[in-house]
Amino acid sequence: MHQLLNKIKMSLSTFIRTVGNPSRSSMKMQRLKRRIIKRFICSGNFTIAELSRETDFSIPTVTKIVNELLEADVIFDLGKVDTQGGRRPNTYGINSKCAYYLGVEVGRTAVSIALQDLKNEYVNSRENIHFTLENTRPSLEKLCSLINSFIADSGVNREDVIGACINLSGRVNSNAGLSYNFFFSENEALNSIIKSMIDIPVYLENDTRAMAYGEFKAGVVDKERDVIFVNMSWGLGIGIIIDGRLYYGKSGYSGEFGHSPVFDNNILCQCGKKGCLETEISGWALVRDFKEAIKNGNTSLIQQKHSLDDITMEDIMAAAVEDEDVLAIDFMAKIGEKMGRYLSILINIFNPELVVIGGSMASTADYMLYPLRSSIKKFSLNLVSHDCKIKISKLGRSAGVVGACYVVRERLLDMLD
C-alpha cells in the first residue's frame, strides 16, 4: 500500500506521508483529507460548502484542507460558480495530471498499453504491439522493455505513474501477485519481479476479469450491477461482477468456466484435463476443427488465400464476416449454439442482469449471437432468463487495457478510504 502511495506525484505524496505523524496532522484530519481527495477523483468538482455538507465537517475545517491541497497542486481553483443571488462561491477540481494509471494487456502475439490520468482520459495508448508471449525469462524481459519504452515515449514522468496493472491469461492470483501459467517463480511474486524491471508498483490481473471491469466502467454496461462477461477468444473464460464489484472467489481464481469438464470427447485441454468446454468452444478448438473439416473434403474461400497449416482463428472469423464464407459461418453458428447452451447454466445459477459477449469471437456479431440467443431461450429457465440482457462488447479489443487502468484506479481509491 505505502509503496503505491509513494508513487503518487510529490505534492500528493507529501500529503500522504503525514499519515501517522501526530505532530503534523491528526488521524481525523488525515481521514478527512483522504475523503475529500477521493470525492474529487470520483465525483468531479465541488465548492467548499458542498464538501462540508458531504463530509459533515465545518466550513473552516474544510477550507483549511482545501487550501493545503491547493498549495500542493493536488486540486485547482476553477473560479466562481453562478448562483441565484448572494456571494458567488469558488469551485475546485482535481489536478488530473498529478498521477497516472498504466494498463497493459498481454496477448499471445501482441501487447496493448494505455496511460490514463486521474480523470481516466488517455494520455497515450498503443494497441497490438508485436510481442510473442512465451513462458521464458527473455519473453518477460521483452515485455518489460516494451513497457519502459512506452512510458519513455509518453512524456510522463515515471514517478507520476502510481501503478501498472498487467493482464495475463490463465490462473492469476491478484492478491498474491502470482501467475501460475506464465513466468511463475517459487522464490518471488511476479508483480515484484516486474516492479523491479519497470520501477512502478505492479498489480496482476486475469485478462478476462480486466475485460469485464473495463466494460463495466466504460463500455456497454449501463446501470446493471450484476454482470457476467464472457471472453470468447483463443481460450474461454468469464468475469463475474456482483453488486458492482469484481468477484474473485476464495482463492482468487473465479471465472475458469472454460475448464468445466462437460464433454465426453476425450480431447486433451490446455489445462491438462479432458473434455473441458474449451475443447469445443474456443479459438484453438475452432482452428483445429475447421482444418479437420477441410481435410475431410469441405471447401472454403480461405483456401484461396492461405495454406491449411497457416489458417488462424482471425482468418476464419474474417471469412465469415467479410467474405460470407459458408463453412466459416457454419462453424461460428455452431460455437454460438454450444455457448448458449452452457451459458444458460450460468444464467440459471446467477440470474444476472446482463451478459456481455466479448473477446475476439465477438467480432463475428450476429453470425454467433443469433444462435447463442436462441440456445439460451431453449435451455435456460424462462423465469430466470427473460429479463437478462445479452449484449456484444462495446470496447472490443480495448476492453482489457481499459479495465487494467480502472483496476489501478480502484486500488488507489480503496487506499483513500
Protein backbone atom coordinates (compact mmCIF):
# COMPACT_ATOMS: atom_id res chain seq x y z
CA MET A 1 0.00 0.00 0.00
CA HIS A 2 2.61 2.54 1.07
CA GLN A 3 4.78 1.71 -1.95
CA LEU A 4 1.92 2.63 -4.26
CA LEU A 5 1.10 5.80 -2.36
CA ASN A 6 4.72 6.90 -2.53
CA LYS A 7 4.43 6.74 -6.32
CA ILE A 8 1.83 9.50 -6.39
CA LYS A 9 3.23 12.85 -7.53
CA MET A 10 5.37 14.56 -4.88
CA SER A 11 2.73 17.12 -3.97
CA LEU A 12 0.16 14.43 -3.27
CA SER A 13 2.62 12.05 -1.64
CA THR A 14 3.68 14.85 0.70
CA PHE A 15 0.12 14.90 1.97
CA ILE A 16 0.04 11.14 2.32
CA ARG A 17 3.34 10.91 4.20
CA THR A 18 1.85 12.97 7.02
CA VAL A 19 -0.26 9.93 7.92
CA GLY A 20 0.78 8.61 11.28
CA ASN A 21 2.65 11.80 12.26
CA PRO A 22 0.53 13.23 15.09
CA SER A 23 2.71 16.30 15.41
CA ARG A 24 1.73 17.42 11.90
CA SER A 25 -1.76 16.15 11.39
CA SER A 26 -4.32 14.29 13.44
CA MET A 27 -5.64 11.00 12.16
CA LYS A 28 -9.07 12.59 11.98
CA MET A 29 -7.82 15.31 9.66
CA GLN A 30 -5.96 12.74 7.57
CA ARG A 31 -9.13 10.73 7.04
CA LEU A 32 -10.94 13.89 6.02
CA LYS A 33 -8.20 14.75 3.50
CA ARG A 34 -8.47 11.29 2.01
CA ARG A 35 -12.24 11.53 1.76
CA ILE A 36 -12.02 14.91 0.06
CA ILE A 37 -9.43 13.75 -2.48
CA LYS A 38 -11.50 10.63 -3.21
CA ARG A 39 -14.56 12.76 -3.83
CA PHE A 40 -12.68 14.98 -6.25
CA ILE A 41 -11.42 11.93 -8.15
CA CYS A 42 -14.78 10.14 -8.24
CA SER A 43 -17.35 12.88 -8.47
CA GLY A 44 -15.84 15.92 -10.16
CA ASN A 45 -15.88 19.48 -8.85
CA PHE A 46 -17.09 20.89 -5.54
CA THR A 47 -17.46 24.12 -3.62
CA ILE A 48 -16.30 24.26 -0.02
CA ALA A 49 -19.93 24.36 1.15
CA GLU A 50 -20.71 21.19 -0.82
CA LEU A 51 -17.69 19.39 0.65
CA SER A 52 -18.73 20.50 4.11
CA ARG A 53 -22.22 19.03 3.64
CA GLU A 54 -20.89 15.77 2.22
CA THR A 55 -18.27 15.22 4.92
CA ASP A 56 -20.15 16.69 7.91
CA PHE A 57 -17.14 18.83 8.78
CA SER A 58 -17.27 22.56 9.41
CA ILE A 59 -16.59 25.05 6.63
CA PRO A 60 -13.43 26.41 8.39
CA THR A 61 -12.01 22.88 8.68
CA VAL A 62 -12.77 22.04 5.03
CA THR A 63 -11.39 25.42 3.94
CA LYS A 64 -8.11 24.68 5.72
CA ILE A 65 -7.74 21.35 3.94
CA VAL A 66 -8.72 22.78 0.55
CA ASN A 67 -6.07 25.47 0.93
CA GLU A 68 -3.44 22.82 1.74
CA LEU A 69 -4.39 20.83 -1.35
CA LEU A 70 -4.32 23.98 -3.49
CA GLU A 71 -0.84 24.80 -2.24
CA ALA A 72 0.30 21.28 -3.04
CA ASP A 73 -1.17 21.46 -6.60
CA VAL A 74 -3.38 18.46 -5.88
CA ILE A 75 -6.50 20.48 -6.79
CA PHE A 76 -7.22 23.59 -8.86
CA ASP A 77 -9.37 26.66 -8.22
CA LEU A 78 -11.80 26.64 -11.15
CA GLY A 79 -13.32 30.04 -10.44
CA LYS A 80 -16.68 31.35 -9.33
CA VAL A 81 -19.96 29.43 -9.57
CA ASP A 82 -23.09 31.17 -10.84
CA THR A 83 -25.77 31.37 -8.12
CA GLN A 84 -29.27 32.76 -7.76
CA GLY A 85 -28.01 35.57 -5.59
CA GLY A 86 -25.54 36.47 -2.88
CA ARG A 87 -21.83 35.93 -2.87
CA ARG A 88 -20.64 33.52 -5.56
CA PRO A 89 -18.51 30.64 -4.16
CA ASN A 90 -15.41 29.19 -5.78
CA THR A 91 -15.44 25.67 -7.16
CA TYR A 92 -12.48 23.29 -7.05
CA GLY A 93 -11.40 20.24 -9.04
CA ILE A 94 -8.70 17.58 -9.01
CA ASN A 95 -5.45 18.19 -10.87
CA SER A 96 -5.84 15.23 -13.22
CA LYS A 97 -2.16 15.41 -14.18
CA CYS A 98 -0.81 14.75 -10.70
CA ALA A 99 -1.00 10.96 -11.14
CA TYR A 100 -1.49 8.36 -13.88
CA TYR A 101 -2.70 4.78 -14.31
CA LEU A 102 -0.89 2.31 -16.60
CA GLY A 103 -2.74 -0.64 -18.15
CA VAL A 104 -1.07 -3.49 -20.04
CA GLU A 105 -2.95 -6.23 -21.91
CA VAL A 106 -0.65 -9.16 -22.77
CA GLY A 107 -1.85 -11.40 -25.59
CA ARG A 108 -0.31 -14.39 -27.32
CA THR A 109 1.07 -12.35 -30.23
CA ALA A 110 0.70 -8.70 -29.21
CA VAL A 111 0.63 -6.26 -26.31
CA SER A 112 -1.62 -3.22 -25.82
CA ILE A 113 -0.62 -0.45 -23.40
CA ALA A 114 -2.50 2.64 -22.23
CA LEU A 115 -1.77 5.51 -19.87
CA GLN A 116 -4.69 7.40 -18.29
CA ASP A 117 -4.79 10.41 -15.98
CA LEU A 118 -6.87 10.76 -12.81
CA LYS A 119 -9.95 11.54 -14.91
CA ASN A 120 -9.41 8.35 -16.93
CA GLU A 121 -8.59 10.32 -20.06
CA TYR A 122 -5.95 8.84 -22.36
CA VAL A 123 -2.52 10.41 -22.24
CA ASN A 124 -1.03 7.79 -24.54
CA SER A 125 -2.08 4.40 -25.91
CA ARG A 126 -0.76 1.80 -28.33
CA GLU A 127 -2.55 -1.33 -29.46
CA ASN A 128 -1.22 -4.55 -30.97
CA ILE A 129 2.48 -4.00 -30.35
CA HIS A 130 4.19 -7.08 -31.75
CA PHE A 131 5.13 -9.47 -28.96
CA THR A 132 5.33 -13.25 -28.61
CA LEU A 133 4.20 -14.49 -25.21
CA GLU A 134 6.37 -17.37 -24.07
CA ASN A 135 6.88 -18.77 -20.61
CA THR A 136 10.54 -17.72 -20.56
CA ARG A 137 12.70 -15.10 -18.88
CA PRO A 138 13.63 -13.43 -22.21
CA SER A 139 9.92 -13.05 -23.02
CA LEU A 140 9.31 -11.36 -19.65
CA GLU A 141 12.30 -9.05 -20.18
CA LYS A 142 11.00 -8.14 -23.63
CA LEU A 143 7.58 -7.31 -22.15
CA CYS A 144 9.15 -5.02 -19.56
CA SER A 145 11.29 -3.39 -22.24
CA LEU A 146 8.15 -2.57 -24.25
CA ILE A 147 6.53 -1.06 -21.16
CA ASN A 148 9.61 1.04 -20.39
CA SER A 149 9.78 2.30 -23.96
CA PHE A 150 6.09 3.21 -23.90
CA ILE A 151 6.50 5.24 -20.70
CA ALA A 152 9.56 6.99 -22.07
CA ASP A 153 7.69 7.94 -25.24
CA SER A 154 4.61 9.16 -23.36
CA GLY A 155 6.29 12.30 -21.98
CA VAL A 156 5.08 11.49 -18.45
CA ASN A 157 7.49 11.30 -15.54
CA ARG A 158 7.79 7.71 -14.35
CA GLU A 159 7.43 8.78 -10.71
CA ASP A 160 3.97 10.17 -11.55
CA VAL A 161 2.68 6.73 -12.60
CA ILE A 162 1.11 5.39 -9.41
CA GLY A 163 0.73 1.83 -10.60
CA ALA A 164 0.59 -0.61 -13.51
CA CYS A 165 -1.89 -3.44 -13.98
CA ILE A 166 -0.63 -6.32 -16.13
CA ASN A 167 -3.29 -8.63 -17.61
CA LEU A 168 -2.36 -12.25 -18.29
CA SER A 169 -4.47 -15.21 -19.33
CA GLY A 170 -4.83 -18.28 -17.16
CA ARG A 171 -4.73 -18.60 -13.42
CA VAL A 172 -3.74 -15.31 -11.82
CA ASN A 173 -3.80 -14.62 -8.08
CA SER A 174 -4.18 -10.85 -7.95
CA ASN A 175 -3.75 -10.60 -4.18
CA ALA A 176 -0.53 -12.61 -4.12
CA GLY A 177 0.80 -11.17 -7.39
CA LEU A 178 1.25 -14.62 -8.94
CA SER A 179 0.61 -16.10 -12.37
CA TYR A 180 0.65 -19.88 -12.45
CA ASN A 181 0.64 -20.07 -16.25
CA PHE A 182 3.38 -17.58 -17.11
CA PHE A 183 6.67 -16.55 -15.50
CA PHE A 184 5.93 -18.43 -12.28
CA SER A 185 8.66 -18.36 -9.63
CA GLU A 186 8.60 -20.04 -6.24
CA ASN A 187 11.11 -17.53 -4.91
CA GLU A 188 9.44 -14.22 -5.71
CA ALA A 189 6.00 -12.95 -6.73
CA LEU A 190 5.72 -11.97 -10.38
CA ASN A 191 4.43 -8.48 -9.61
CA SER A 192 7.58 -7.85 -7.55
CA ILE A 193 9.80 -9.12 -10.37
CA ILE A 194 8.13 -6.84 -12.92
CA LYS A 195 8.22 -3.91 -10.47
CA SER A 196 11.99 -4.28 -10.24
CA MET A 197 12.20 -4.05 -14.04
CA ILE A 198 9.90 -1.07 -14.64
CA ASP A 199 10.25 0.76 -11.30
CA ILE A 200 6.49 1.13 -10.86
CA PRO A 201 4.21 -0.71 -8.39
CA VAL A 202 2.57 -3.59 -10.26
CA TYR A 203 -0.73 -5.45 -9.98
CA LEU A 204 -1.51 -8.64 -11.85
CA GLU A 205 -4.98 -9.39 -13.18
CA ASN A 206 -6.60 -12.17 -15.14
CA ASP A 207 -7.27 -10.87 -18.65
CA THR A 208 -10.97 -11.78 -18.65
CA ARG A 209 -11.63 -10.12 -15.29
CA ALA A 210 -9.92 -6.96 -16.53
CA MET A 211 -12.04 -7.01 -19.71
CA ALA A 212 -15.17 -7.45 -17.62
CA TYR A 213 -14.23 -4.47 -15.47
CA GLY A 214 -13.42 -2.34 -18.50
CA GLU A 215 -16.88 -2.99 -19.95
CA PHE A 216 -18.47 -2.34 -16.56
CA LYS A 217 -16.76 1.02 -16.03
CA ALA A 218 -16.55 2.41 -19.57
CA GLY A 219 -18.24 0.04 -22.00
CA VAL A 220 -21.61 -1.50 -22.79
CA VAL A 221 -22.78 -1.82 -19.18
CA ASP A 222 -25.34 0.85 -18.30
CA LYS A 223 -26.77 0.70 -14.78
CA GLU A 224 -26.53 -3.06 -14.32
CA ARG A 225 -24.77 -4.19 -11.15
CA ASP A 226 -24.78 -7.98 -11.66
CA VAL A 227 -22.97 -8.85 -14.87
CA ILE A 228 -21.29 -11.86 -16.48
CA PHE A 229 -18.68 -11.11 -19.12
CA VAL A 230 -17.83 -13.97 -21.50
CA ASN A 231 -14.39 -13.83 -23.11
CA MET A 232 -14.54 -15.93 -26.27
CA SER A 233 -11.02 -15.75 -27.63
CA TRP A 234 -8.22 -18.28 -28.00
CA GLY A 235 -9.48 -19.69 -24.72
CA LEU A 236 -12.78 -19.32 -22.86
CA GLY A 237 -13.28 -17.55 -19.55
CA ILE A 238 -15.79 -15.41 -17.71
CA GLY A 239 -15.57 -12.36 -15.49
CA ILE A 240 -18.18 -12.02 -12.76
CA ILE A 241 -19.36 -8.71 -11.33
CA ILE A 242 -21.66 -8.89 -8.31
CA ASP A 243 -23.21 -5.73 -6.92
CA GLY A 244 -20.77 -3.61 -8.91
CA ARG A 245 -17.58 -5.33 -7.77
CA LEU A 246 -15.39 -7.95 -9.38
CA TYR A 247 -15.88 -11.38 -7.86
CA TYR A 248 -12.62 -13.24 -7.26
CA GLY A 249 -13.67 -16.25 -5.20
CA LYS A 250 -11.93 -17.70 -2.15
CA SER A 251 -8.51 -18.17 -3.75
CA GLY A 252 -8.79 -15.55 -6.49
CA TYR A 253 -9.40 -17.90 -9.43
CA SER A 254 -13.06 -17.37 -10.24
CA GLY A 255 -14.14 -17.43 -13.87
CA GLU A 256 -12.44 -20.61 -15.13
CA PHE A 257 -15.63 -21.57 -16.93
CA GLY A 258 -13.76 -22.90 -19.95
CA HIS A 259 -12.28 -25.70 -17.85
CA SER A 260 -15.61 -27.20 -16.87
CA PRO A 261 -15.49 -30.90 -17.93
CA VAL A 262 -18.80 -31.18 -19.80
CA PHE A 263 -17.86 -33.10 -22.97
CA ASP A 264 -17.18 -36.82 -23.29
CA ASN A 265 -14.89 -36.24 -26.26
CA ASN A 266 -11.57 -37.49 -24.86
CA ILE A 267 -9.87 -34.31 -26.17
CA LEU A 268 -6.98 -33.10 -24.03
CA CYS A 269 -7.45 -29.48 -22.91
CA GLN A 270 -4.64 -26.97 -22.45
CA CYS A 271 -5.17 -27.29 -18.69
CA GLY A 272 -4.22 -30.98 -18.84
CA LYS A 273 -7.70 -32.42 -18.31
CA LYS A 274 -10.06 -33.90 -20.90
CA GLY A 275 -13.48 -32.81 -22.13
CA CYS A 276 -13.38 -29.17 -20.96
CA LEU A 277 -15.64 -26.58 -22.58
CA GLU A 278 -12.56 -25.11 -24.24
CA THR A 279 -12.02 -28.30 -26.20
CA GLU A 280 -15.03 -27.40 -28.36
CA ILE A 281 -15.75 -23.71 -27.60
CA SER A 282 -12.55 -21.70 -28.07
CA GLY A 283 -10.30 -20.23 -30.70
CA TRP A 284 -7.91 -23.14 -30.67
CA ALA A 285 -10.79 -25.63 -30.97
CA LEU A 286 -12.22 -23.61 -33.87
CA VAL A 287 -8.93 -23.73 -35.79
CA ARG A 288 -8.49 -27.46 -35.10
CA ASP A 289 -12.00 -28.40 -36.21
CA PHE A 290 -12.01 -26.07 -39.22
CA LYS A 291 -8.78 -27.58 -40.54
CA GLU A 292 -10.17 -31.06 -39.95
CA ALA A 293 -13.31 -30.19 -41.93
CA ILE A 294 -11.22 -29.09 -44.91
CA LYS A 295 -9.15 -32.26 -44.70
CA ASN A 296 -12.41 -34.22 -44.86
CA GLY A 297 -13.43 -32.56 -48.13
CA ASN A 298 -15.25 -29.37 -47.12
CA THR A 299 -14.33 -26.24 -49.06
CA SER A 300 -13.79 -22.64 -48.01
CA LEU A 301 -12.74 -19.37 -49.61
CA ILE A 302 -9.90 -19.35 -47.10
CA GLN A 303 -8.16 -21.99 -49.20
CA GLN A 304 -7.64 -19.35 -51.91
CA LYS A 305 -5.67 -17.17 -49.51
CA HIS A 306 -3.94 -19.49 -47.06
CA SER A 307 -2.43 -22.93 -46.92
CA LEU A 308 -4.05 -25.35 -44.49
CA ASP A 309 -1.25 -25.11 -41.93
CA ASP A 310 -1.36 -21.30 -41.91
CA ILE A 311 -5.08 -20.85 -41.18
CA THR A 312 -5.67 -18.82 -38.00
CA MET A 313 -8.66 -18.02 -35.82
CA GLU A 314 -8.66 -14.49 -37.26
CA ASP A 315 -8.76 -15.88 -40.81
CA ILE A 316 -11.87 -17.92 -40.05
CA MET A 317 -13.69 -15.02 -38.42
CA ALA A 318 -12.78 -12.68 -41.28
CA ALA A 319 -14.02 -15.25 -43.78
CA ALA A 320 -17.40 -15.32 -42.03
CA VAL A 321 -17.84 -11.56 -41.60
CA GLU A 322 -16.12 -10.16 -44.69
CA ASP A 323 -16.44 -12.94 -47.27
CA GLU A 324 -19.67 -14.59 -46.07
CA ASP A 325 -17.88 -17.90 -46.35
CA VAL A 326 -20.47 -20.64 -45.79
CA LEU A 327 -18.16 -23.02 -43.92
CA ALA A 328 -16.85 -20.28 -41.64
CA ILE A 329 -20.40 -19.03 -40.92
CA ASP A 330 -21.50 -22.57 -40.13
CA PHE A 331 -18.66 -23.02 -37.64
CA MET A 332 -19.37 -19.70 -35.87
CA ALA A 333 -23.06 -20.61 -35.63
CA LYS A 334 -22.23 -23.98 -34.06
CA ILE A 335 -19.99 -22.32 -31.50
CA GLY A 336 -22.74 -19.82 -30.71
CA GLU A 337 -25.28 -22.61 -30.22
CA LYS A 338 -22.98 -24.53 -27.90
CA MET A 339 -22.03 -21.39 -25.98
CA GLY A 340 -25.70 -20.51 -25.44
CA ARG A 341 -26.45 -23.99 -24.11
CA TYR A 342 -23.77 -23.85 -21.43
CA LEU A 343 -24.19 -20.14 -20.75
CA SER A 344 -27.78 -20.97 -19.80
CA ILE A 345 -26.36 -22.86 -16.83
CA LEU A 346 -24.67 -19.69 -15.57
CA ILE A 347 -27.85 -17.68 -16.15
CA ASN A 348 -29.87 -20.22 -14.16
CA ILE A 349 -27.35 -20.08 -11.31
CA PHE A 350 -26.56 -16.35 -11.14
CA ASN A 351 -29.70 -14.77 -12.63
CA PRO A 352 -27.62 -11.82 -13.92
CA GLU A 353 -29.00 -8.53 -15.23
CA LEU A 354 -26.64 -8.59 -18.20
CA VAL A 355 -24.39 -10.97 -20.10
CA VAL A 356 -21.71 -9.36 -22.24
CA ILE A 357 -20.14 -11.37 -25.07
CA GLY A 358 -16.59 -10.18 -25.65
CA GLY A 359 -13.21 -11.36 -26.84
CA SER A 360 -12.03 -11.93 -30.39
CA MET A 361 -15.01 -14.03 -31.48
CA ALA A 362 -17.44 -11.24 -30.57
CA SER A 363 -16.36 -9.55 -33.81
CA THR A 364 -18.45 -12.10 -35.72
CA ALA A 365 -21.51 -10.49 -34.09
CA ASP A 366 -24.82 -11.84 -35.44
CA TYR A 367 -23.32 -14.95 -37.00
CA MET A 368 -22.66 -16.21 -33.50
CA LEU A 369 -25.07 -14.08 -31.45
CA TYR A 370 -28.35 -15.23 -33.05
CA PRO A 371 -27.67 -18.95 -32.45
CA LEU A 372 -26.42 -18.09 -28.95
CA ARG A 373 -29.61 -16.19 -28.05
CA SER A 374 -31.78 -18.96 -29.48
CA SER A 375 -29.90 -21.58 -27.49
CA ILE A 376 -30.25 -19.61 -24.26
CA LYS A 377 -34.01 -19.41 -24.76
CA LYS A 378 -34.13 -23.13 -25.44
CA PHE A 379 -32.08 -24.32 -22.47
CA SER A 380 -32.46 -21.75 -19.69
CA LEU A 381 -35.42 -21.30 -17.36
CA ASN A 382 -37.66 -18.62 -18.81
CA LEU A 383 -38.46 -17.14 -15.40
CA VAL A 384 -34.73 -16.63 -14.83
CA SER A 385 -33.58 -15.53 -18.27
CA HIS A 386 -36.47 -13.50 -19.66
CA ASP A 387 -35.18 -10.20 -18.26
CA CYS A 388 -31.47 -10.96 -18.73
CA LYS A 389 -29.98 -8.79 -21.46
CA ILE A 390 -27.40 -10.16 -23.90
CA LYS A 391 -25.05 -7.60 -25.46
CA ILE A 392 -21.87 -7.56 -27.52
CA SER A 393 -18.82 -5.86 -26.03
CA LYS A 394 -18.59 -2.15 -26.82
CA LEU A 395 -14.86 -1.76 -26.14
CA GLY A 396 -13.78 -4.75 -28.22
CA ARG A 397 -10.03 -5.27 -28.18
CA SER A 398 -9.59 -2.27 -25.87
CA ALA A 399 -11.62 -3.78 -23.02
CA GLY A 400 -8.65 -5.36 -21.27
CA VAL A 401 -6.34 -2.38 -21.25
CA VAL A 402 -9.17 -0.04 -20.22
CA GLY A 403 -10.10 -2.41 -17.41
CA ALA A 404 -6.46 -2.57 -16.28
CA CYS A 405 -6.33 1.21 -15.86
CA TYR A 406 -9.53 1.10 -13.83
CA VAL A 407 -8.10 -1.66 -11.62
CA VAL A 408 -5.21 0.65 -10.66
CA ARG A 409 -7.70 3.45 -10.06
CA GLU A 410 -9.80 1.30 -7.74
CA ARG A 411 -6.71 0.28 -5.77
CA LEU A 412 -5.93 3.93 -5.21
CA LEU A 413 -9.50 4.72 -4.17
CA ASP A 414 -9.51 1.79 -1.75
CA MET A 415 -6.43 3.25 -0.09
CA LEU A 416 -8.10 6.63 0.22
CA ASP A 417 -10.99 5.16 2.27
